[in-house]
N, C-alpha and C. Protein backbone atom coordinates (compact mmCIF):
# COMPACT_ATOMS: atom_id res chain seq x y z
N MET A 1 0.85 -1.17 0.00
CA MET A 1 0.00 0.00 0.00
C MET A 1 0.89 1.23 0.00
N THR A 2 0.55 2.18 -0.84
CA THR A 2 1.34 3.40 -0.93
C THR A 2 0.93 4.38 0.16
N GLN A 3 1.76 5.39 0.34
CA GLN A 3 1.50 6.43 1.33
C GLN A 3 0.18 7.16 1.04
N ARG A 4 -0.20 7.26 -0.24
CA ARG A 4 -1.35 8.06 -0.62
C ARG A 4 -2.59 7.22 -0.92
N THR A 5 -2.69 6.05 -0.35
CA THR A 5 -3.84 5.18 -0.55
C THR A 5 -5.08 5.83 0.05
N ASP A 6 -6.18 5.75 -0.68
CA ASP A 6 -7.42 6.30 -0.12
C ASP A 6 -8.22 5.19 0.56
N VAL A 7 -9.26 5.59 1.27
CA VAL A 7 -10.03 4.66 2.09
C VAL A 7 -10.71 3.59 1.25
N VAL A 8 -11.16 3.92 0.05
CA VAL A 8 -11.82 2.94 -0.80
C VAL A 8 -10.82 1.87 -1.23
N GLU A 9 -9.64 2.29 -1.66
CA GLU A 9 -8.60 1.34 -2.05
C GLU A 9 -8.21 0.44 -0.87
N LEU A 10 -8.03 1.04 0.30
CA LEU A 10 -7.65 0.30 1.49
C LEU A 10 -8.68 -0.76 1.85
N LEU A 11 -9.94 -0.36 1.90
CA LEU A 11 -10.99 -1.30 2.29
C LEU A 11 -11.20 -2.39 1.26
N LYS A 12 -11.10 -2.05 -0.01
CA LYS A 12 -11.23 -3.08 -1.05
C LYS A 12 -10.06 -4.06 -0.99
N ALA A 13 -8.87 -3.58 -0.69
CA ALA A 13 -7.71 -4.48 -0.54
C ALA A 13 -7.94 -5.43 0.64
N GLN A 14 -8.52 -4.91 1.72
CA GLN A 14 -8.83 -5.77 2.85
C GLN A 14 -9.89 -6.81 2.47
N HIS A 15 -10.87 -6.40 1.69
CA HIS A 15 -11.87 -7.36 1.23
C HIS A 15 -11.24 -8.47 0.40
N THR A 16 -10.27 -8.11 -0.42
CA THR A 16 -9.55 -9.12 -1.22
C THR A 16 -8.84 -10.10 -0.29
N ARG A 17 -8.17 -9.58 0.73
CA ARG A 17 -7.48 -10.46 1.68
C ARG A 17 -8.47 -11.34 2.44
N ILE A 18 -9.63 -10.80 2.80
CA ILE A 18 -10.66 -11.59 3.47
C ILE A 18 -11.13 -12.72 2.55
N ARG A 19 -11.36 -12.43 1.28
CA ARG A 19 -11.77 -13.46 0.33
C ARG A 19 -10.70 -14.55 0.23
N ASP A 20 -9.43 -14.14 0.18
CA ASP A 20 -8.34 -15.10 0.11
C ASP A 20 -8.32 -16.00 1.35
N LEU A 21 -8.50 -15.40 2.52
CA LEU A 21 -8.51 -16.20 3.75
C LEU A 21 -9.70 -17.14 3.81
N LEU A 22 -10.85 -16.70 3.33
CA LEU A 22 -12.01 -17.60 3.26
C LEU A 22 -11.67 -18.82 2.40
N ASP A 23 -11.03 -18.58 1.27
CA ASP A 23 -10.63 -19.68 0.38
C ASP A 23 -9.61 -20.59 1.05
N GLU A 24 -8.65 -19.99 1.77
CA GLU A 24 -7.61 -20.78 2.42
C GLU A 24 -8.18 -21.66 3.53
N VAL A 25 -9.13 -21.13 4.29
CA VAL A 25 -9.77 -21.95 5.33
C VAL A 25 -10.49 -23.13 4.68
N ALA A 26 -11.22 -22.87 3.61
CA ALA A 26 -11.99 -23.92 2.94
C ALA A 26 -11.09 -24.98 2.29
N ALA A 27 -9.91 -24.58 1.85
CA ALA A 27 -9.05 -25.49 1.08
C ALA A 27 -8.05 -26.27 1.93
N THR A 28 -7.99 -26.01 3.23
CA THR A 28 -6.98 -26.65 4.07
C THR A 28 -7.64 -27.45 5.17
N SER A 29 -6.82 -28.06 6.01
CA SER A 29 -7.32 -28.82 7.16
C SER A 29 -6.28 -28.77 8.27
N GLY A 30 -6.64 -29.34 9.39
CA GLY A 30 -5.71 -29.44 10.52
C GLY A 30 -5.23 -28.09 11.02
N GLU A 31 -3.97 -28.07 11.43
CA GLU A 31 -3.38 -26.85 11.99
C GLU A 31 -3.36 -25.70 10.98
N GLU A 32 -3.18 -26.03 9.72
CA GLU A 32 -3.16 -24.99 8.69
C GLU A 32 -4.52 -24.28 8.61
N ARG A 33 -5.61 -25.06 8.61
CA ARG A 33 -6.95 -24.46 8.60
C ARG A 33 -7.16 -23.64 9.86
N LYS A 34 -6.74 -24.15 10.99
CA LYS A 34 -6.92 -23.43 12.25
C LYS A 34 -6.21 -22.07 12.20
N GLN A 35 -4.98 -22.06 11.68
CA GLN A 35 -4.23 -20.81 11.58
C GLN A 35 -4.89 -19.83 10.61
N HIS A 36 -5.33 -20.32 9.46
CA HIS A 36 -6.01 -19.45 8.50
C HIS A 36 -7.30 -18.89 9.11
N PHE A 37 -8.01 -19.71 9.86
CA PHE A 37 -9.24 -19.24 10.49
C PHE A 37 -8.93 -18.17 11.53
N GLN A 38 -7.89 -18.37 12.32
CA GLN A 38 -7.51 -17.35 13.31
C GLN A 38 -7.12 -16.04 12.63
N ASP A 39 -6.40 -16.13 11.51
CA ASP A 39 -6.04 -14.94 10.75
C ASP A 39 -7.29 -14.23 10.22
N LEU A 40 -8.24 -15.02 9.75
CA LEU A 40 -9.51 -14.47 9.24
C LEU A 40 -10.27 -13.76 10.36
N VAL A 41 -10.38 -14.39 11.51
CA VAL A 41 -11.10 -13.80 12.64
C VAL A 41 -10.47 -12.46 13.02
N ARG A 42 -9.17 -12.44 13.11
CA ARG A 42 -8.48 -11.18 13.49
C ARG A 42 -8.73 -10.09 12.45
N LEU A 43 -8.57 -10.42 11.18
CA LEU A 43 -8.77 -9.42 10.14
C LEU A 43 -10.21 -8.91 10.13
N LEU A 44 -11.17 -9.81 10.25
CA LEU A 44 -12.57 -9.37 10.27
C LEU A 44 -12.85 -8.48 11.48
N ALA A 45 -12.30 -8.82 12.63
CA ALA A 45 -12.54 -8.03 13.84
C ALA A 45 -11.99 -6.62 13.70
N VAL A 46 -10.75 -6.49 13.24
CA VAL A 46 -10.18 -5.15 13.14
C VAL A 46 -10.80 -4.36 11.98
N HIS A 47 -11.12 -5.04 10.90
CA HIS A 47 -11.75 -4.39 9.74
C HIS A 47 -13.11 -3.82 10.13
N GLU A 48 -13.93 -4.62 10.77
CA GLU A 48 -15.27 -4.16 11.14
C GLU A 48 -15.22 -3.07 12.21
N THR A 49 -14.30 -3.17 13.14
CA THR A 49 -14.18 -2.12 14.16
C THR A 49 -13.78 -0.80 13.51
N ALA A 50 -12.85 -0.84 12.60
CA ALA A 50 -12.45 0.39 11.89
C ALA A 50 -13.62 0.96 11.10
N GLU A 51 -14.41 0.09 10.49
CA GLU A 51 -15.59 0.59 9.77
C GLU A 51 -16.58 1.23 10.73
N GLU A 52 -16.78 0.61 11.89
CA GLU A 52 -17.73 1.15 12.87
C GLU A 52 -17.29 2.52 13.37
N GLU A 53 -15.99 2.70 13.52
CA GLU A 53 -15.47 3.95 14.08
C GLU A 53 -15.30 5.05 13.03
N VAL A 54 -14.99 4.69 11.78
CA VAL A 54 -14.64 5.68 10.77
C VAL A 54 -15.59 5.67 9.57
N VAL A 55 -15.75 4.53 8.96
CA VAL A 55 -16.45 4.43 7.68
C VAL A 55 -17.95 4.68 7.83
N HIS A 56 -18.58 3.97 8.75
CA HIS A 56 -20.03 4.14 8.91
C HIS A 56 -20.43 5.56 9.32
N PRO A 57 -19.73 6.18 10.26
CA PRO A 57 -20.09 7.57 10.59
C PRO A 57 -19.97 8.50 9.37
N PHE A 58 -18.94 8.31 8.56
CA PHE A 58 -18.78 9.13 7.36
C PHE A 58 -19.95 8.88 6.40
N ALA A 59 -20.32 7.63 6.22
CA ALA A 59 -21.43 7.28 5.31
C ALA A 59 -22.74 7.87 5.81
N ARG A 60 -23.00 7.74 7.10
CA ARG A 60 -24.25 8.28 7.67
C ARG A 60 -24.38 9.77 7.37
N LYS A 61 -23.28 10.48 7.52
CA LYS A 61 -23.30 11.93 7.43
C LYS A 61 -23.23 12.45 5.99
N ASN A 62 -22.59 11.70 5.10
CA ASN A 62 -22.25 12.28 3.81
C ASN A 62 -22.91 11.68 2.57
N ILE A 63 -23.44 10.48 2.65
CA ILE A 63 -24.04 9.93 1.44
C ILE A 63 -25.56 9.88 1.58
N GLU A 64 -26.22 10.09 0.48
CA GLU A 64 -27.68 10.09 0.48
C GLU A 64 -28.18 8.71 0.91
N GLY A 65 -29.10 8.71 1.88
CA GLY A 65 -29.63 7.47 2.41
C GLY A 65 -28.64 6.74 3.31
N GLY A 66 -27.63 7.45 3.76
CA GLY A 66 -26.55 6.85 4.53
C GLY A 66 -26.99 6.15 5.79
N GLU A 67 -27.97 6.70 6.47
CA GLU A 67 -28.43 6.09 7.73
C GLU A 67 -28.95 4.67 7.48
N GLN A 68 -29.77 4.50 6.45
CA GLN A 68 -30.32 3.18 6.14
C GLN A 68 -29.25 2.24 5.59
N ILE A 69 -28.37 2.77 4.77
CA ILE A 69 -27.28 1.94 4.23
C ILE A 69 -26.44 1.38 5.36
N VAL A 70 -26.10 2.22 6.32
CA VAL A 70 -25.28 1.77 7.45
C VAL A 70 -26.07 0.79 8.32
N LYS A 71 -27.32 1.06 8.54
CA LYS A 71 -28.16 0.14 9.34
C LYS A 71 -28.15 -1.26 8.70
N ASP A 72 -28.30 -1.32 7.39
CA ASP A 72 -28.28 -2.61 6.69
C ASP A 72 -26.93 -3.31 6.83
N ARG A 73 -25.84 -2.54 6.72
CA ARG A 73 -24.50 -3.14 6.84
C ARG A 73 -24.27 -3.65 8.26
N ILE A 74 -24.75 -2.92 9.26
CA ILE A 74 -24.56 -3.35 10.65
C ILE A 74 -25.33 -4.64 10.91
N GLN A 75 -26.51 -4.78 10.35
CA GLN A 75 -27.26 -6.05 10.51
C GLN A 75 -26.46 -7.21 9.92
N GLU A 76 -25.87 -7.00 8.76
CA GLU A 76 -25.05 -8.03 8.14
C GLU A 76 -23.84 -8.37 9.02
N GLU A 77 -23.21 -7.34 9.56
CA GLU A 77 -22.04 -7.53 10.41
C GLU A 77 -22.39 -8.31 11.67
N GLU A 78 -23.53 -8.02 12.26
CA GLU A 78 -23.95 -8.72 13.47
C GLU A 78 -24.17 -10.20 13.19
N SER A 79 -24.75 -10.51 12.05
CA SER A 79 -24.95 -11.90 11.67
C SER A 79 -23.61 -12.63 11.57
N ALA A 80 -22.66 -11.99 10.92
CA ALA A 80 -21.33 -12.59 10.76
C ALA A 80 -20.62 -12.74 12.11
N LYS A 81 -20.75 -11.74 12.98
CA LYS A 81 -20.11 -11.83 14.30
C LYS A 81 -20.67 -13.00 15.10
N GLY A 82 -21.98 -13.21 15.01
CA GLY A 82 -22.59 -14.34 15.71
C GLY A 82 -22.06 -15.67 15.20
N LEU A 83 -21.96 -15.80 13.89
CA LEU A 83 -21.42 -17.02 13.30
C LEU A 83 -19.95 -17.21 13.69
N LEU A 84 -19.17 -16.15 13.63
CA LEU A 84 -17.76 -16.25 14.02
C LEU A 84 -17.61 -16.69 15.47
N SER A 85 -18.44 -16.16 16.32
CA SER A 85 -18.37 -16.52 17.73
C SER A 85 -18.64 -18.01 17.92
N ARG A 86 -19.66 -18.53 17.23
CA ARG A 86 -19.97 -19.96 17.33
C ARG A 86 -18.84 -20.81 16.73
N LEU A 87 -18.31 -20.37 15.60
CA LEU A 87 -17.23 -21.12 14.95
C LEU A 87 -15.97 -21.15 15.80
N ASP A 88 -15.72 -20.08 16.52
CA ASP A 88 -14.51 -19.96 17.32
C ASP A 88 -14.41 -21.06 18.38
N ASP A 89 -15.55 -21.58 18.81
CA ASP A 89 -15.57 -22.61 19.84
C ASP A 89 -15.54 -24.03 19.27
N MET A 90 -15.48 -24.16 17.96
CA MET A 90 -15.55 -25.47 17.32
C MET A 90 -14.18 -25.98 16.88
N ASP A 91 -14.10 -27.28 16.71
CA ASP A 91 -12.94 -27.92 16.10
C ASP A 91 -13.00 -27.59 14.61
N THR A 92 -11.95 -26.97 14.08
CA THR A 92 -11.97 -26.53 12.68
C THR A 92 -12.02 -27.68 11.68
N ASP A 93 -11.79 -28.90 12.12
CA ASP A 93 -11.88 -30.05 11.22
C ASP A 93 -13.22 -30.78 11.32
N SER A 94 -14.12 -30.30 12.16
CA SER A 94 -15.41 -30.99 12.29
C SER A 94 -16.33 -30.66 11.11
N PRO A 95 -17.19 -31.61 10.72
CA PRO A 95 -18.15 -31.33 9.64
C PRO A 95 -19.08 -30.16 9.96
N GLU A 96 -19.45 -30.03 11.24
CA GLU A 96 -20.32 -28.91 11.63
C GLU A 96 -19.61 -27.57 11.42
N PHE A 97 -18.31 -27.54 11.70
CA PHE A 97 -17.55 -26.31 11.46
C PHE A 97 -17.66 -25.90 9.99
N MET A 98 -17.41 -26.84 9.10
CA MET A 98 -17.42 -26.51 7.68
C MET A 98 -18.82 -26.10 7.20
N THR A 99 -19.85 -26.71 7.73
CA THR A 99 -21.22 -26.32 7.37
C THR A 99 -21.48 -24.88 7.79
N ARG A 100 -21.15 -24.55 9.02
CA ARG A 100 -21.34 -23.17 9.51
C ARG A 100 -20.38 -22.20 8.83
N PHE A 101 -19.17 -22.67 8.53
CA PHE A 101 -18.21 -21.83 7.85
C PHE A 101 -18.71 -21.43 6.47
N GLU A 102 -19.32 -22.35 5.76
CA GLU A 102 -19.86 -22.02 4.43
C GLU A 102 -20.96 -20.97 4.54
N GLU A 103 -21.74 -21.03 5.61
CA GLU A 103 -22.76 -20.00 5.87
C GLU A 103 -22.08 -18.65 6.12
N LEU A 104 -21.04 -18.66 6.93
CA LEU A 104 -20.28 -17.44 7.20
C LEU A 104 -19.70 -16.90 5.90
N ARG A 105 -19.11 -17.75 5.12
CA ARG A 105 -18.49 -17.34 3.87
C ARG A 105 -19.49 -16.65 2.96
N THR A 106 -20.65 -17.24 2.81
CA THR A 106 -21.71 -16.64 1.99
C THR A 106 -22.09 -15.27 2.52
N ASN A 107 -22.28 -15.17 3.83
CA ASN A 107 -22.67 -13.89 4.45
C ASN A 107 -21.59 -12.83 4.30
N VAL A 108 -20.34 -13.19 4.53
CA VAL A 108 -19.23 -12.23 4.45
C VAL A 108 -19.06 -11.73 3.02
N LEU A 109 -19.13 -12.64 2.06
CA LEU A 109 -18.98 -12.22 0.65
C LEU A 109 -20.12 -11.29 0.23
N ALA A 110 -21.34 -11.59 0.63
CA ALA A 110 -22.47 -10.72 0.30
C ALA A 110 -22.32 -9.36 0.98
N HIS A 111 -21.86 -9.38 2.22
CA HIS A 111 -21.66 -8.13 2.97
C HIS A 111 -20.59 -7.26 2.30
N ALA A 112 -19.48 -7.85 1.92
CA ALA A 112 -18.41 -7.09 1.27
C ALA A 112 -18.90 -6.49 -0.04
N GLU A 113 -19.65 -7.26 -0.80
CA GLU A 113 -20.19 -6.76 -2.06
C GLU A 113 -21.14 -5.58 -1.82
N ALA A 114 -21.99 -5.68 -0.80
CA ALA A 114 -22.93 -4.60 -0.48
C ALA A 114 -22.18 -3.36 -0.02
N GLU A 115 -21.15 -3.53 0.80
CA GLU A 115 -20.36 -2.37 1.23
C GLU A 115 -19.75 -1.66 0.02
N GLU A 116 -19.16 -2.43 -0.86
CA GLU A 116 -18.50 -1.83 -2.02
C GLU A 116 -19.51 -1.13 -2.93
N LYS A 117 -20.68 -1.70 -3.08
CA LYS A 117 -21.69 -1.14 -3.99
C LYS A 117 -22.43 0.05 -3.38
N TYR A 118 -22.86 -0.07 -2.13
CA TYR A 118 -23.73 0.95 -1.55
C TYR A 118 -23.01 2.00 -0.71
N GLU A 119 -21.87 1.64 -0.19
CA GLU A 119 -21.16 2.57 0.68
C GLU A 119 -19.91 3.11 -0.01
N PHE A 120 -18.94 2.26 -0.27
CA PHE A 120 -17.65 2.71 -0.78
C PHE A 120 -17.74 3.44 -2.12
N ALA A 121 -18.56 2.92 -3.02
CA ALA A 121 -18.66 3.52 -4.36
C ALA A 121 -19.13 4.97 -4.30
N ARG A 122 -19.89 5.30 -3.30
CA ARG A 122 -20.42 6.66 -3.19
C ARG A 122 -19.44 7.63 -2.53
N PHE A 123 -18.42 7.10 -1.88
CA PHE A 123 -17.46 7.97 -1.20
C PHE A 123 -16.77 8.91 -2.17
N ARG A 124 -16.43 8.41 -3.33
CA ARG A 124 -15.73 9.24 -4.31
C ARG A 124 -16.64 10.33 -4.89
N GLN A 125 -17.95 10.15 -4.76
CA GLN A 125 -18.90 11.15 -5.24
C GLN A 125 -19.03 12.32 -4.25
N VAL A 126 -18.72 12.06 -2.98
CA VAL A 126 -18.97 13.08 -1.95
C VAL A 126 -17.70 13.61 -1.28
N ALA A 127 -16.55 13.03 -1.62
CA ALA A 127 -15.32 13.47 -0.95
C ALA A 127 -14.19 13.58 -1.97
N ASP A 128 -13.32 14.55 -1.76
CA ASP A 128 -12.15 14.69 -2.63
C ASP A 128 -11.06 13.71 -2.20
N GLN A 129 -10.01 13.63 -3.00
CA GLN A 129 -8.93 12.67 -2.75
C GLN A 129 -8.29 12.88 -1.38
N SER A 130 -8.10 14.12 -0.99
CA SER A 130 -7.49 14.42 0.30
C SER A 130 -8.32 13.85 1.45
N LYS A 131 -9.62 14.02 1.39
CA LYS A 131 -10.51 13.50 2.43
C LYS A 131 -10.46 11.97 2.44
N LEU A 132 -10.45 11.36 1.28
CA LEU A 132 -10.40 9.90 1.19
C LEU A 132 -9.09 9.36 1.77
N GLU A 133 -8.01 10.09 1.58
CA GLU A 133 -6.72 9.70 2.16
C GLU A 133 -6.73 9.87 3.67
N ASN A 134 -7.35 10.94 4.15
CA ASN A 134 -7.49 11.14 5.60
C ASN A 134 -8.30 10.02 6.23
N LEU A 135 -9.37 9.61 5.56
CA LEU A 135 -10.19 8.51 6.07
C LEU A 135 -9.38 7.22 6.12
N ALA A 136 -8.52 6.99 5.13
CA ALA A 136 -7.67 5.80 5.14
C ALA A 136 -6.73 5.82 6.35
N ARG A 137 -6.16 6.98 6.63
CA ARG A 137 -5.29 7.09 7.81
C ARG A 137 -6.08 6.82 9.09
N ALA A 138 -7.29 7.30 9.16
CA ALA A 138 -8.13 7.07 10.34
C ALA A 138 -8.48 5.59 10.48
N VAL A 139 -8.77 4.92 9.38
CA VAL A 139 -9.05 3.47 9.42
C VAL A 139 -7.83 2.73 9.93
N LYS A 140 -6.64 3.06 9.42
CA LYS A 140 -5.41 2.41 9.87
C LYS A 140 -5.19 2.66 11.36
N ALA A 141 -5.47 3.86 11.82
CA ALA A 141 -5.30 4.19 13.24
C ALA A 141 -6.26 3.38 14.09
N ALA A 142 -7.51 3.27 13.66
CA ALA A 142 -8.50 2.50 14.41
C ALA A 142 -8.10 1.03 14.48
N GLU A 143 -7.54 0.52 13.41
CA GLU A 143 -7.15 -0.88 13.37
C GLU A 143 -6.01 -1.19 14.33
N THR A 144 -5.17 -0.22 14.63
CA THR A 144 -4.04 -0.49 15.52
C THR A 144 -4.48 -0.77 16.94
N VAL A 145 -5.67 -0.33 17.33
CA VAL A 145 -6.14 -0.55 18.70
C VAL A 145 -7.45 -1.33 18.74
N ALA A 146 -7.86 -1.90 17.63
CA ALA A 146 -9.11 -2.65 17.58
C ALA A 146 -8.97 -3.99 18.29
N PRO A 147 -10.10 -4.52 18.77
CA PRO A 147 -10.05 -5.85 19.40
C PRO A 147 -9.68 -6.90 18.35
N THR A 148 -9.15 -8.01 18.80
CA THR A 148 -8.72 -9.06 17.88
C THR A 148 -9.76 -10.15 17.72
N ARG A 149 -10.90 -10.01 18.36
CA ARG A 149 -11.98 -10.98 18.26
C ARG A 149 -13.28 -10.22 18.06
N PRO A 150 -14.23 -10.81 17.31
CA PRO A 150 -15.53 -10.16 17.13
C PRO A 150 -16.37 -10.30 18.38
N HIS A 151 -17.18 -9.31 18.65
CA HIS A 151 -18.04 -9.33 19.82
C HIS A 151 -19.49 -9.10 19.40
N PRO A 152 -20.28 -10.19 19.28
CA PRO A 152 -21.68 -10.02 18.89
C PRO A 152 -22.40 -9.08 19.85
N GLY A 153 -23.32 -8.30 19.30
CA GLY A 153 -24.09 -7.36 20.10
C GLY A 153 -23.37 -6.05 20.33
N THR A 154 -22.25 -5.86 19.66
CA THR A 154 -21.49 -4.62 19.81
C THR A 154 -21.50 -3.89 18.48
N ASP A 155 -22.60 -3.22 18.20
CA ASP A 155 -22.78 -2.60 16.89
C ASP A 155 -22.15 -1.23 16.77
N THR A 156 -21.47 -0.79 17.79
CA THR A 156 -20.73 0.46 17.68
C THR A 156 -19.31 0.20 18.15
N ALA A 157 -18.42 1.03 17.72
CA ALA A 157 -17.02 0.84 18.10
C ALA A 157 -16.85 0.96 19.61
N VAL A 158 -17.57 1.87 20.23
CA VAL A 158 -17.45 2.04 21.68
C VAL A 158 -17.83 0.75 22.39
N LYS A 159 -18.97 0.14 22.02
CA LYS A 159 -19.37 -1.11 22.64
C LYS A 159 -18.36 -2.21 22.33
N ASN A 160 -17.91 -2.28 21.09
CA ASN A 160 -16.97 -3.32 20.68
C ASN A 160 -15.68 -3.22 21.47
N LEU A 161 -15.16 -2.02 21.64
CA LEU A 161 -13.91 -1.85 22.36
C LEU A 161 -14.10 -1.99 23.87
N ALA A 162 -15.26 -1.64 24.38
CA ALA A 162 -15.49 -1.69 25.81
C ALA A 162 -15.45 -3.11 26.36
N VAL A 163 -15.74 -4.11 25.51
CA VAL A 163 -15.71 -5.47 26.01
C VAL A 163 -14.30 -6.01 26.14
N GLY A 164 -13.31 -5.24 25.66
CA GLY A 164 -11.91 -5.64 25.79
C GLY A 164 -11.46 -5.53 27.23
N PRO A 165 -10.28 -6.05 27.53
CA PRO A 165 -9.84 -6.09 28.92
C PRO A 165 -9.46 -4.73 29.50
N VAL A 166 -9.14 -3.77 28.67
CA VAL A 166 -8.71 -2.47 29.18
C VAL A 166 -9.58 -1.37 28.57
N ALA A 167 -10.35 -0.69 29.42
CA ALA A 167 -11.26 0.34 28.93
C ALA A 167 -10.52 1.50 28.27
N SER A 168 -9.28 1.71 28.63
CA SER A 168 -8.53 2.83 28.05
C SER A 168 -8.32 2.67 26.55
N VAL A 169 -8.54 1.47 26.03
CA VAL A 169 -8.41 1.25 24.59
C VAL A 169 -9.38 2.16 23.82
N ILE A 170 -10.52 2.47 24.42
CA ILE A 170 -11.49 3.36 23.77
C ILE A 170 -10.87 4.73 23.56
N ASP A 171 -10.27 5.25 24.60
CA ASP A 171 -9.63 6.56 24.48
C ASP A 171 -8.48 6.54 23.50
N ARG A 172 -7.69 5.46 23.50
CA ARG A 172 -6.58 5.36 22.55
C ARG A 172 -7.09 5.34 21.11
N THR A 173 -8.20 4.65 20.88
CA THR A 173 -8.77 4.60 19.53
C THR A 173 -9.21 5.98 19.10
N ARG A 174 -9.96 6.64 19.95
CA ARG A 174 -10.43 7.99 19.62
C ARG A 174 -9.26 8.94 19.37
N ASP A 175 -8.27 8.88 20.24
CA ASP A 175 -7.10 9.75 20.07
C ASP A 175 -6.37 9.45 18.77
N ALA A 176 -6.20 8.18 18.46
CA ALA A 176 -5.50 7.80 17.23
C ALA A 176 -6.25 8.29 16.00
N ILE A 177 -7.57 8.16 16.04
CA ILE A 177 -8.37 8.60 14.88
C ILE A 177 -8.34 10.12 14.76
N ARG A 178 -8.50 10.81 15.85
CA ARG A 178 -8.46 12.29 15.81
C ARG A 178 -7.10 12.77 15.31
N LYS A 179 -6.04 12.13 15.76
CA LYS A 179 -4.70 12.52 15.30
C LYS A 179 -4.55 12.25 13.80
N ALA A 180 -5.04 11.10 13.35
CA ALA A 180 -4.93 10.74 11.93
C ALA A 180 -5.77 11.67 11.05
N MET A 181 -6.89 12.13 11.58
CA MET A 181 -7.78 13.01 10.81
C MET A 181 -7.27 14.45 10.79
N GLY A 182 -6.28 14.74 11.61
CA GLY A 182 -5.67 16.07 11.61
C GLY A 182 -6.49 17.02 12.40
């Protein structure tokens, strides 16, 4: 990623990595599958937290119909978080894991497509390149202090971060984002 990457490029690159990890989990077994699944869980957790803290607030405020678009994306995210939480407690080689994983995969792919179509695509219509680059910096800052596991029922960044072991992480996230936004 270059220094001047904008938020749309950054988030789409993360979606590509998520798709790759979904494929890797499905194509492997044993310890390799377990590791790929752990990598997927971490990436999804930090990606969604950054979206909750930076992307969704921008969409709500700046794109037409943003409130409903974000509401729909949050419902999709909650569904995925619930599935991830259930999968996290399973043996990654069990048939039940793969059945539920395929459900997760379908949901995550549909969610990423909806984000790109309804949210990200409109960002370039309402923000200049400088703003998009600032948003990318804010997403990166949020990701540095995001939780490493998904927390169902935490539809806002504050709730998501509050379930972590140290409440000060909330303040660090806010400070990092404010600093990144200039």
